[in-house]
């Protein structure tokens, strides 16, 4: 229980920062939506370019973040040597990538349909090169159990980026899409300067170690590429698949903006991942580690279901972060959030093949899910537009999650509390259905009714798995009484 409390503490620190950071970034969604109407398709450009950068980010880090944790926790390796080797590898490839992109910027922009605006891509290609390099020192902070320093750097980037965007788009009344990318470049450069004290190359480069790390990491990169394609392939393909070329940018803008509301699930998944990855590798030597993993999975599912209910129950209020011309896309929110839950479960399941050094399985599962997603998009987007994108993600992540579970139970069996998890899923589904089907025209009364439903879910959690006596602060109050 002590180690789970440590995990919960780190998750809380990363989680609060991630949630606050993403919430602050949400300020950019209404800002961009106000400056760039849905009809203009400006936010569609932002959505597509960021989809490309997310894919490139996975390629440029090529699994070194996970490889660093794996090898730094091996008794036979020197952590500082592992760190400097990873820094040199990722730094060299990122620099080479940036130079090549600058030399070939115009042909790349023309190929991707941005011949008239090559620096939309140019700025973000430089950003992704620096972000890839920064992944290693950020991982080092997590390894050293310095979540506050990690959070401070992440928050600095977010706050600086928001301030610059507010000055241009709100105070100055600007509407040029390019500045959204330029401000990202400025902020990423600032963080790069602050990382200089953490760039420790003194332990040198170990060629043999680099080879072992690459052999471990390349299946993770393949897994990551397939995984990120599950998140961004629909946004990259949409303009090329949707038959109405004039309306494609508008549809993509609506889908991209409404999907942002569903990203609270991604916040929780990311926060859990930041704390869970070093926790898992650190626990890999303990005999009771499988019990820990099973309990962590159950609590992850409980709290993501709670987040799902909170968002869908208060969507009538959350929708006001967007202009009304984006509201037709709100129906994708529950679908995208469910897909994010599947992705989080898949991530938690993924540690069985990482711990037995058979990361190839992750690539198999991810590509299977990606194939399903691509098939749904290619077949149904021409007729159903962005709704097919949402269901494609749902189907793709669902397939990857199920494959990982069933194969994992044969290769590295873990006794998950399937019955308890199923009860929570069914309860959440029933409360969601009740909240949607009971028609209450008055908004305050409707929100009050849904709040009651949410409290019923919380009450069940407290009764079954999280007694008040185990919750910090509250337990001290109970003991005093």
Protein backbone atom coordinates (compact mmCIF):
# COMPACT_ATOMS: atom_id res chain seq x y z
CA UNK A 1 0.00 0.00 0.00
CA UNK A 2 2.90 2.38 0.72
CA UNK A 3 4.19 1.99 -2.83
CA UNK A 4 0.74 2.51 -4.27
CA UNK A 5 0.50 5.69 -2.18
CA UNK A 6 3.82 6.80 -3.65
CA UNK A 7 2.45 6.11 -7.12
CA UNK A 8 -0.71 8.03 -6.25
CA UNK A 9 1.34 10.97 -4.95
CA UNK A 10 3.45 11.21 -8.12
CA UNK A 11 0.37 10.72 -10.27
CA UNK A 12 -1.32 13.55 -8.37
CA UNK A 13 1.61 15.90 -8.95
CA UNK A 14 1.91 15.02 -12.63
CA UNK A 15 -1.85 14.84 -12.93
CA UNK A 16 -2.60 18.24 -11.41
CA UNK A 17 0.04 19.86 -13.60
CA UNK A 18 -1.17 17.98 -16.66
CA UNK A 19 -4.81 18.84 -16.00
CA UNK A 20 -4.03 22.46 -15.17
CA UNK A 21 -1.74 22.69 -18.19
CA UNK A 22 -4.27 21.15 -20.55
CA UNK A 23 -6.99 23.32 -19.04
CA UNK A 24 -4.90 26.40 -19.69
CA UNK A 25 -4.29 25.16 -23.21
CA UNK A 26 -8.04 24.89 -23.58
CA UNK A 27 -8.01 28.67 -23.45
CA UNK A 28 -6.42 28.49 -26.88
CA UNK A 29 -9.35 26.51 -28.31
CA UNK A 30 -11.98 29.27 -27.88
CA UNK A 31 -9.29 31.80 -28.78
CA UNK A 32 -8.48 30.10 -32.07
CA UNK A 33 -12.16 29.29 -32.70
CA UNK A 34 -13.03 32.95 -32.22
CA UNK A 35 -10.23 34.21 -34.47
CA UNK A 36 -10.72 31.42 -37.04
CA UNK A 37 -14.36 30.55 -37.78
CA UNK A 38 -15.29 26.97 -38.61
CA UNK A 39 -16.10 28.02 -42.18
CA UNK A 40 -12.60 29.48 -42.69
CA UNK A 41 -10.98 26.14 -41.86
CA UNK A 42 -8.14 27.86 -39.99
CA UNK A 43 -8.44 25.58 -37.01
CA UNK A 44 -8.45 22.67 -39.43
CA UNK A 45 -4.94 23.72 -40.51
CA UNK A 46 -3.82 23.81 -36.88
CA UNK A 47 -5.35 20.36 -36.30
CA UNK A 48 -3.64 18.81 -39.32
CA UNK A 49 -0.20 20.32 -38.75
CA UNK A 50 -0.19 19.25 -35.10
CA UNK A 51 -1.21 15.76 -36.21
CA UNK A 52 1.91 15.58 -38.39
CA UNK A 53 4.14 16.84 -35.58
CA UNK A 54 2.75 14.22 -33.18
CA UNK A 55 3.65 11.47 -35.66
CA UNK A 56 7.14 12.88 -36.23
CA UNK A 57 7.68 13.16 -32.48
CA UNK A 58 7.30 9.40 -32.07
CA UNK A 59 9.68 8.71 -34.94
CA UNK A 60 12.35 11.11 -33.68
CA UNK A 61 12.35 9.74 -30.12
CA UNK A 62 12.33 6.13 -31.50
CA UNK A 63 11.53 4.50 -28.17
CA UNK A 64 14.53 5.96 -26.31
CA UNK A 65 12.40 7.33 -23.48
CA UNK A 66 11.24 3.84 -22.47
CA UNK A 67 14.66 2.35 -23.25
CA UNK A 68 16.23 4.87 -20.88
CA UNK A 69 13.98 3.74 -18.01
CA UNK A 70 14.58 0.08 -18.77
CA UNK A 71 18.38 0.28 -18.89
CA UNK A 72 18.80 2.88 -16.13
CA UNK A 73 17.04 0.45 -13.76
CA UNK A 74 19.25 -2.51 -14.67
CA UNK A 75 21.78 -3.40 -12.00
CA UNK A 76 24.42 -4.06 -14.67
CA UNK A 77 24.24 -0.54 -16.15
CA UNK A 78 25.40 2.88 -14.94
CA UNK A 79 22.39 5.25 -15.04
CA UNK A 80 24.48 8.32 -15.92
CA UNK A 81 26.09 6.41 -18.79
CA UNK A 82 22.66 5.35 -20.04
CA UNK A 83 21.49 8.97 -19.85
CA UNK A 84 24.41 10.48 -21.75
CA UNK A 85 24.24 7.76 -24.41
CA UNK A 86 20.53 8.40 -24.95
CA UNK A 87 21.09 12.17 -25.04
CA UNK A 88 23.78 11.89 -27.70
CA UNK A 89 21.73 9.53 -29.86
CA UNK A 90 18.49 11.52 -29.80
CA UNK A 91 20.30 14.85 -30.00
CA UNK A 92 22.24 13.81 -33.11
CA UNK A 93 19.22 12.49 -34.98
CA UNK A 94 17.11 15.53 -34.05
CA UNK A 95 19.78 17.91 -35.30
CA UNK A 96 20.14 16.00 -38.56
CA UNK A 97 16.38 16.00 -39.02
CA UNK A 98 16.14 19.76 -38.50
CA UNK A 99 18.91 20.48 -41.01
CA UNK A 100 17.38 18.23 -43.68
CA UNK A 101 13.94 19.76 -43.22
CA UNK A 102 15.25 23.30 -43.61
CA UNK A 103 17.11 22.36 -46.80
CA UNK A 104 14.06 20.60 -48.30
CA UNK A 105 11.31 22.77 -46.81
CA UNK A 106 9.63 23.88 -50.02
CA UNK A 107 9.39 20.41 -51.61
CA UNK A 108 8.03 19.03 -48.31
CA UNK A 109 5.46 21.84 -48.04
CA UNK A 110 4.37 21.31 -51.65
CA UNK A 111 3.98 17.56 -51.13
CA UNK A 112 1.74 18.08 -48.09
CA UNK A 113 -0.40 20.76 -49.74
CA UNK A 114 1.14 23.82 -48.07
CA UNK A 115 3.15 25.21 -50.98
CA UNK A 116 1.74 28.70 -50.32
CA UNK A 117 2.64 28.58 -46.62
CA UNK A 118 5.87 26.55 -46.21
CA UNK A 119 6.70 28.08 -42.84
CA UNK A 120 3.52 26.68 -41.32
CA UNK A 121 5.47 23.44 -41.53
CA UNK A 122 8.96 24.91 -41.13
CA UNK A 123 8.33 26.31 -37.66
CA UNK A 124 6.71 23.11 -36.42
CA UNK A 125 9.44 20.90 -37.87
CA UNK A 126 11.97 22.84 -35.80
CA UNK A 127 9.69 22.52 -32.77
CA UNK A 128 9.37 18.76 -33.11
CA UNK A 129 13.15 18.36 -33.43
CA UNK A 130 13.70 20.23 -30.15
CA UNK A 131 10.79 18.49 -28.41
CA UNK A 132 12.20 15.08 -29.35
CA UNK A 133 15.55 15.96 -27.80
CA UNK A 134 13.90 17.37 -24.67
CA UNK A 135 12.09 14.05 -24.06
CA UNK A 136 15.31 12.55 -22.68
CA UNK A 137 16.05 15.21 -20.03
CA UNK A 138 12.36 15.21 -19.11
CA UNK A 139 12.61 11.42 -18.66
CA UNK A 140 15.73 11.95 -16.54
CA UNK A 141 13.76 14.23 -14.18
CA UNK A 142 11.12 11.52 -13.82
CA UNK A 143 13.78 8.89 -13.17
CA UNK A 144 15.32 11.09 -10.48
CA UNK A 145 11.89 11.54 -8.85
CA UNK A 146 11.81 15.28 -9.42
CA UNK A 147 8.19 15.81 -10.43
CA UNK A 148 8.08 19.42 -9.22
CA UNK A 149 10.95 20.45 -11.49
CA UNK A 150 9.37 18.50 -14.34
CA UNK A 151 6.07 20.27 -13.73
CA UNK A 152 7.68 23.72 -13.47
CA UNK A 153 9.26 23.42 -16.92
CA UNK A 154 6.08 22.08 -18.49
CA UNK A 155 3.99 24.83 -16.94
CA UNK A 156 6.42 27.55 -17.99
CA UNK A 157 6.04 26.49 -21.61
CA UNK A 158 2.25 26.46 -21.37
CA UNK A 159 1.90 29.83 -19.62
CA UNK A 160 4.35 31.57 -21.95
CA UNK A 161 2.60 30.12 -25.00
CA UNK A 162 -0.82 31.23 -23.78
CA UNK A 163 0.38 34.75 -22.98
CA UNK A 164 1.86 35.20 -26.45
CA UNK A 165 -1.30 33.87 -28.10
CA UNK A 166 -3.55 36.09 -25.99
CA UNK A 167 -1.52 39.17 -26.88
CA UNK A 168 -1.71 38.49 -30.62
CA UNK A 169 -5.15 36.93 -31.12
CA UNK A 170 -7.10 38.76 -28.39
CA UNK A 171 -5.43 42.09 -27.67
CA UNK A 172 -4.12 42.75 -31.17
CA UNK A 173 -7.07 41.09 -32.94
CA UNK A 174 -4.86 38.98 -35.21
CA UNK A 175 -6.10 36.02 -37.24
CA UNK A 176 -2.99 34.64 -38.98
CA UNK A 177 -2.61 30.89 -38.39
CA UNK A 178 1.19 31.14 -38.67
CA UNK A 179 1.55 32.86 -35.31
CA UNK A 180 0.08 29.85 -33.49
CA UNK A 181 3.08 27.87 -34.76
CA UNK A 182 5.62 30.67 -34.26
CA UNK A 183 4.74 31.08 -30.58
CA UNK A 184 5.22 27.35 -30.08
CA UNK A 185 8.71 27.64 -31.54
CA UNK A 186 9.59 30.57 -29.25
CA UNK A 187 8.41 28.73 -26.12
CA UNK A 188 10.14 25.46 -27.04
CA UNK A 189 13.39 27.38 -27.57
CA UNK A 190 13.05 28.95 -24.13
CA UNK A 191 12.69 25.54 -22.47
CA UNK A 192 15.69 24.28 -24.42
CA UNK A 193 17.83 27.01 -22.86
CA UNK A 194 16.62 26.10 -19.37
CA UNK A 195 17.60 22.46 -19.95
CA UNK A 196 21.26 23.31 -20.50
CA UNK A 197 22.26 22.48 -16.87
CA UNK A 198 20.70 19.01 -17.25
CA UNK A 199 22.51 18.08 -20.46
CA UNK A 200 25.07 15.80 -18.82
CA UNK A 201 27.33 14.33 -21.50
CA UNK A 202 30.22 13.64 -19.09
CA UNK A 203 29.61 9.89 -18.88
CA UNK A 204 30.26 9.65 -22.61
CA UNK A 205 28.80 7.52 -25.38
CA UNK A 206 28.79 3.74 -25.05
CA UNK A 207 28.47 2.20 -28.50
CA UNK A 208 27.68 -1.30 -27.21
CA UNK A 209 25.06 0.10 -24.83
CA UNK A 210 23.59 2.17 -27.66
CA UNK A 211 23.21 -0.97 -29.74
CA UNK A 212 21.40 -2.78 -26.93
CA UNK A 213 19.13 0.19 -26.34
CA UNK A 214 18.29 0.45 -30.03
CA UNK A 215 17.48 -3.23 -30.29
CA UNK A 216 15.17 -2.87 -27.29
CA UNK A 217 13.67 0.41 -28.51
CA UNK A 218 13.00 -0.08 -32.20
CA UNK A 219 9.90 -2.26 -31.68
CA UNK A 220 8.67 0.42 -29.26
CA UNK A 221 9.13 3.02 -32.00
CA UNK A 222 7.11 0.85 -34.38
CA UNK A 223 4.54 0.45 -31.63
CA UNK A 224 4.57 4.20 -31.08
CA UNK A 225 4.14 4.97 -34.76
CA UNK A 226 1.18 2.63 -34.97
CA UNK A 227 -0.17 4.05 -31.71
CA UNK A 228 0.11 7.68 -32.78
CA UNK A 229 -1.42 6.84 -36.15
CA UNK A 230 -4.42 5.65 -34.17
CA UNK A 231 -4.64 9.20 -32.80
CA UNK A 232 -3.79 11.31 -35.85
CA UNK A 233 -4.28 9.25 -39.02
CA UNK A 234 -7.88 10.41 -39.34
CA UNK A 235 -6.79 14.06 -39.20
CA UNK A 236 -3.96 13.51 -41.70
CA UNK A 237 -6.14 11.55 -44.15
CA UNK A 238 -9.35 13.57 -43.86
CA UNK A 239 -8.64 16.20 -46.53
CA UNK A 240 -7.56 13.47 -48.95
CA UNK A 241 -10.56 11.18 -48.35
CA UNK A 242 -13.52 13.49 -47.85
CA UNK A 243 -15.10 14.15 -51.28
CA UNK A 244 -16.06 17.79 -50.67
CA UNK A 245 -12.62 19.43 -50.81
CA UNK A 246 -14.04 22.86 -50.00
CA UNK A 247 -15.84 21.57 -46.91
CA UNK A 248 -13.08 19.25 -45.70
CA UNK A 249 -11.22 22.00 -43.80
CA UNK A 250 -14.45 23.07 -42.09
CA UNK A 251 -15.31 19.52 -41.06
CA UNK A 252 -11.78 18.95 -39.79
CA UNK A 253 -11.93 22.21 -37.82
CA UNK A 254 -15.18 21.13 -36.13
CA UNK A 255 -13.89 17.64 -35.36
CA UNK A 256 -10.54 18.92 -34.08
CA UNK A 257 -12.11 21.53 -31.81
CA UNK A 258 -14.78 19.21 -30.35
CA UNK A 259 -12.24 16.43 -29.81
CA UNK A 260 -10.33 18.84 -27.56
CA UNK A 261 -13.18 18.69 -25.05
CA UNK A 262 -12.68 14.93 -24.84
CA UNK A 263 -8.97 15.31 -24.13
CA UNK A 264 -9.44 15.37 -20.36
CA UNK A 265 -9.13 11.59 -20.69
CA UNK A 266 -5.78 12.03 -22.41
CA UNK A 267 -4.70 14.24 -19.49
CA UNK A 268 -5.42 11.50 -16.97
CA UNK A 269 -3.77 8.84 -19.13
CA UNK A 270 -0.66 10.97 -19.59
CA UNK A 271 -0.46 11.85 -15.89
CA UNK A 272 -0.76 8.19 -14.96
CA UNK A 273 1.87 7.25 -17.54
CA UNK A 274 4.43 9.76 -16.23
CA UNK A 275 4.26 8.19 -12.77
CA UNK A 276 3.48 4.60 -13.79
CA UNK A 277 6.36 3.94 -16.20
CA UNK A 278 9.23 4.46 -13.71
CA UNK A 279 7.07 2.77 -11.02
CA UNK A 280 6.62 -0.41 -13.09
CA UNK A 281 10.28 -0.80 -13.99
CA UNK A 282 11.28 -0.04 -10.41
CA UNK A 283 8.85 -2.74 -9.14
CA UNK A 284 9.96 -5.32 -11.72
CA UNK A 285 12.28 -7.05 -9.18
CA UNK A 286 9.60 -7.45 -6.49
CA UNK A 287 7.70 -10.72 -6.09
CA UNK A 288 4.29 -9.10 -5.56
CA UNK A 289 4.54 -6.78 -8.56
CA UNK A 290 1.67 -8.46 -10.45
CA UNK A 291 -0.70 -7.70 -7.58
CA UNK A 292 0.38 -4.06 -7.72
CA UNK A 293 -0.20 -3.89 -11.48
CA UNK A 294 -3.67 -5.41 -11.14
CA UNK A 295 -4.73 -2.94 -8.45
CA UNK A 296 -3.28 0.00 -10.37
CA UNK A 297 -5.24 -1.04 -13.46
CA UNK A 298 -8.50 -1.17 -11.53
CA UNK A 299 -8.03 2.27 -10.02
CA UNK A 300 -7.06 3.68 -13.41
CA UNK A 301 -10.31 2.41 -14.93
CA UNK A 302 -12.37 3.68 -11.99
CA UNK A 303 -11.05 7.22 -12.23
CA UNK A 304 -11.21 7.41 -16.03
CA UNK A 305 -14.85 6.32 -15.87
CA UNK A 306 -15.44 9.04 -13.28
CA UNK A 307 -13.82 11.57 -15.62
CA UNK A 308 -15.97 10.32 -18.51
CA UNK A 309 -19.17 10.85 -16.55
CA UNK A 310 -18.07 14.27 -15.35
CA UNK A 311 -17.41 15.51 -18.89
CA UNK A 312 -20.51 14.09 -20.59
CA UNK A 313 -22.81 15.18 -17.74
CA UNK A 314 -21.59 18.78 -17.93
CA UNK A 315 -21.18 19.00 -21.69
CA UNK A 316 -24.02 21.53 -21.81
CA UNK A 317 -21.69 23.93 -19.98
CA UNK A 318 -18.35 22.85 -21.45
CA UNK A 319 -19.61 23.47 -24.99
CA UNK A 320 -19.40 27.21 -24.40
CA UNK A 321 -15.63 27.11 -24.82
CA UNK A 322 -16.49 26.88 -28.54
CA UNK A 323 -18.53 29.13 -30.79
CA UNK A 324 -21.98 27.78 -31.75
CA UNK A 325 -20.87 26.95 -35.31
CA UNK A 326 -18.68 24.19 -33.78
CA UNK A 327 -21.46 22.64 -31.64
CA UNK A 328 -22.72 20.13 -34.26
CA UNK A 329 -19.53 18.15 -33.59
CA UNK A 330 -20.18 17.70 -29.84
CA UNK A 331 -21.69 14.27 -30.49
CA UNK A 332 -18.16 12.90 -31.02
CA UNK A 333 -17.12 13.67 -27.42
CA UNK A 334 -18.43 10.49 -25.68
CA UNK A 335 -17.05 8.33 -28.51
CA UNK A 336 -13.60 9.94 -28.43
CA UNK A 337 -13.47 9.75 -24.63
CA UNK A 338 -14.30 6.04 -24.68
CA UNK A 339 -11.55 5.53 -27.26
CA UNK A 340 -9.16 7.34 -24.90
CA UNK A 341 -10.12 4.96 -22.08
CA UNK A 342 -9.32 2.04 -24.38
CA UNK A 343 -5.97 3.63 -25.18
CA UNK A 344 -5.18 4.08 -21.47
CA UNK A 345 -6.02 0.47 -20.69
CA UNK A 346 -3.91 -0.64 -23.66
CA UNK A 347 -1.00 1.43 -22.32
CA UNK A 348 -1.30 -0.16 -18.87
CA UNK A 349 -1.49 -3.64 -20.39
CA UNK A 350 1.59 -2.92 -22.50
CA UNK A 351 4.01 -3.43 -19.63
CA UNK A 352 3.87 -7.20 -19.81
CA UNK A 353 5.82 -7.27 -23.06
CA UNK A 354 8.15 -4.49 -21.99
CA UNK A 355 9.07 -6.36 -18.81
CA UNK A 356 9.84 -9.61 -20.65
CA UNK A 357 11.70 -7.70 -23.40
CA UNK A 358 9.30 -8.79 -26.17
CA UNK A 359 8.27 -5.34 -27.31
CA UNK A 360 7.51 -6.66 -30.81
CA UNK A 361 4.09 -7.65 -29.48
CA UNK A 362 3.22 -4.02 -28.91
CA UNK A 363 3.94 -3.29 -32.55
CA UNK A 364 1.70 -6.17 -33.66
CA UNK A 365 -1.22 -4.99 -31.53
CA UNK A 366 -0.83 -1.35 -32.48
CA UNK A 367 -0.66 -2.07 -36.19
CA UNK A 368 -3.74 -4.27 -35.93
CA UNK A 369 -5.60 -1.40 -34.26
CA UNK A 370 -4.24 1.06 -36.81
CA UNK A 371 -5.39 -1.15 -39.69
CA UNK A 372 -8.92 -1.18 -38.25
CA UNK A 373 -8.88 2.61 -37.82
CA UNK A 374 -7.64 3.21 -41.36
CA UNK A 375 -10.21 0.82 -42.80
CA UNK A 376 -13.08 2.57 -40.97
CA UNK A 377 -11.85 5.99 -42.13
CA UNK A 378 -11.28 5.01 -45.75
CA UNK A 379 -14.64 3.26 -46.06
CA UNK A 380 -16.92 5.54 -44.04
CA UNK A 381 -15.44 9.08 -44.05
CA UNK A 382 -16.65 9.83 -47.60
CA UNK A 383 -20.24 9.27 -46.44
CA UNK A 384 -20.27 10.08 -42.72
CA UNK A 385 -17.47 12.65 -42.40
CA UNK A 386 -15.88 13.22 -39.02
CA UNK A 387 -18.25 10.83 -37.22
CA UNK A 388 -16.40 8.00 -38.99
CA UNK A 389 -13.15 9.41 -37.57
CA UNK A 390 -14.51 9.15 -34.04
CA UNK A 391 -15.78 5.58 -34.48
CA UNK A 392 -12.56 4.58 -36.23
CA UNK A 393 -10.55 5.53 -33.14
CA UNK A 394 -13.01 3.67 -30.92
CA UNK A 395 -12.71 0.49 -33.01
CA UNK A 396 -8.92 0.71 -33.44
CA UNK A 397 -8.11 1.17 -29.76
CA UNK A 398 -10.66 -1.44 -28.78
CA UNK A 399 -9.03 -4.06 -31.00
CA UNK A 400 -5.52 -3.24 -29.77
CA UNK A 401 -6.65 -3.38 -26.13
CA UNK A 402 -8.35 -6.76 -26.47
CA UNK A 403 -5.44 -8.33 -28.36
CA UNK A 404 -2.96 -7.13 -25.73
CA UNK A 405 -5.08 -8.51 -22.90
CA UNK A 406 -5.65 -11.99 -24.33
CA UNK A 407 -2.07 -12.52 -25.51
CA UNK A 408 -0.71 -11.01 -22.29
CA UNK A 409 -2.68 -13.46 -20.16
CA UNK A 410 -0.80 -16.28 -21.88
CA UNK A 411 2.65 -14.68 -21.85
CA UNK A 412 2.62 -12.80 -18.52
CA UNK A 413 -0.63 -13.60 -16.69
CA UNK A 414 -1.95 -11.03 -14.22
CA UNK A 415 -5.07 -11.64 -12.15
CA UNK A 416 -7.03 -8.49 -12.94
CA UNK A 417 -10.28 -8.03 -11.02
CA UNK A 418 -12.43 -8.44 -14.13
CA UNK A 419 -15.65 -8.85 -12.21
CA UNK A 420 -15.12 -5.68 -10.20
CA UNK A 421 -14.05 -3.74 -13.31
CA UNK A 422 -17.10 -5.00 -15.24
CA UNK A 423 -19.43 -3.76 -12.49
CA UNK A 424 -17.89 -0.28 -12.69
CA UNK A 425 -18.18 -0.22 -16.49
CA UNK A 426 -21.82 -1.33 -16.40
CA UNK A 427 -22.65 1.16 -13.67
CA UNK A 428 -21.03 4.03 -15.60
CA UNK A 429 -22.86 2.99 -18.81
CA UNK A 430 -26.19 2.82 -17.00
CA UNK A 431 -25.71 6.25 -15.37
CA UNK A 432 -24.65 7.76 -18.70
CA UNK A 433 -27.71 6.32 -20.45
CA UNK A 434 -29.99 7.58 -17.68
CA UNK A 435 -28.45 11.03 -17.86
CA UNK A 436 -28.99 11.20 -21.62
CA UNK A 437 -32.45 9.64 -21.80
CA UNK A 438 -34.13 11.60 -19.01
CA UNK A 439 -35.20 14.80 -20.75
CA UNK A 440 -35.13 17.86 -18.48
CA UNK A 441 -35.50 21.13 -20.47
CA UNK A 442 -34.42 23.36 -17.58
CA UNK A 443 -30.59 23.52 -17.61
CA UNK A 444 -29.97 24.00 -13.83
CA UNK A 445 -32.34 21.11 -13.01
CA UNK A 446 -30.74 18.93 -15.68
CA UNK A 447 -27.28 19.61 -14.27
CA UNK A 448 -28.53 18.94 -10.73
CA UNK A 449 -29.97 15.58 -11.81
CA UNK A 450 -26.73 14.59 -13.53
CA UNK A 451 -24.71 15.71 -10.51
CA UNK A 452 -26.79 13.31 -8.41
CA UNK A 453 -25.96 10.50 -10.85
CA UNK A 454 -22.27 11.36 -10.62
CA UNK A 455 -22.43 11.29 -6.82
CA UNK A 456 -24.00 7.82 -6.99
CA UNK A 457 -20.93 6.60 -8.88
CA UNK A 458 -18.62 8.24 -6.33
CA UNK A 459 -20.58 6.69 -3.47
CA UNK A 460 -20.16 3.24 -5.00
CA UNK A 461 -16.40 3.79 -5.35
CA UNK A 462 -16.14 4.83 -1.70
CA UNK A 463 -18.21 1.86 -0.56
CA UNK A 464 -16.38 -0.80 -2.59
CA UNK A 465 -12.77 0.24 -3.14
CA UNK A 466 -11.85 3.55 -1.56
CA UNK A 467 -13.15 3.92 2.01
CA UNK A 468 -13.00 7.42 3.44
CA UNK A 469 -10.56 6.15 6.08
CA UNK A 470 -7.94 5.62 3.34
CA UNK A 471 -8.22 9.07 1.74
CA UNK A 472 -5.55 11.56 2.90
CA UNK A 473 -6.83 14.57 4.93
CA UNK A 474 -10.29 12.99 5.27
CA UNK A 475 -8.84 10.05 7.22
CA UNK A 476 -7.23 12.42 9.73
CA UNK A 477 -10.58 14.15 10.24
CA UNK A 478 -12.28 10.78 10.84
CA UNK A 479 -9.63 9.71 13.36
CA UNK A 480 -10.05 12.93 15.30
CA UNK A 481 -13.77 12.23 15.63
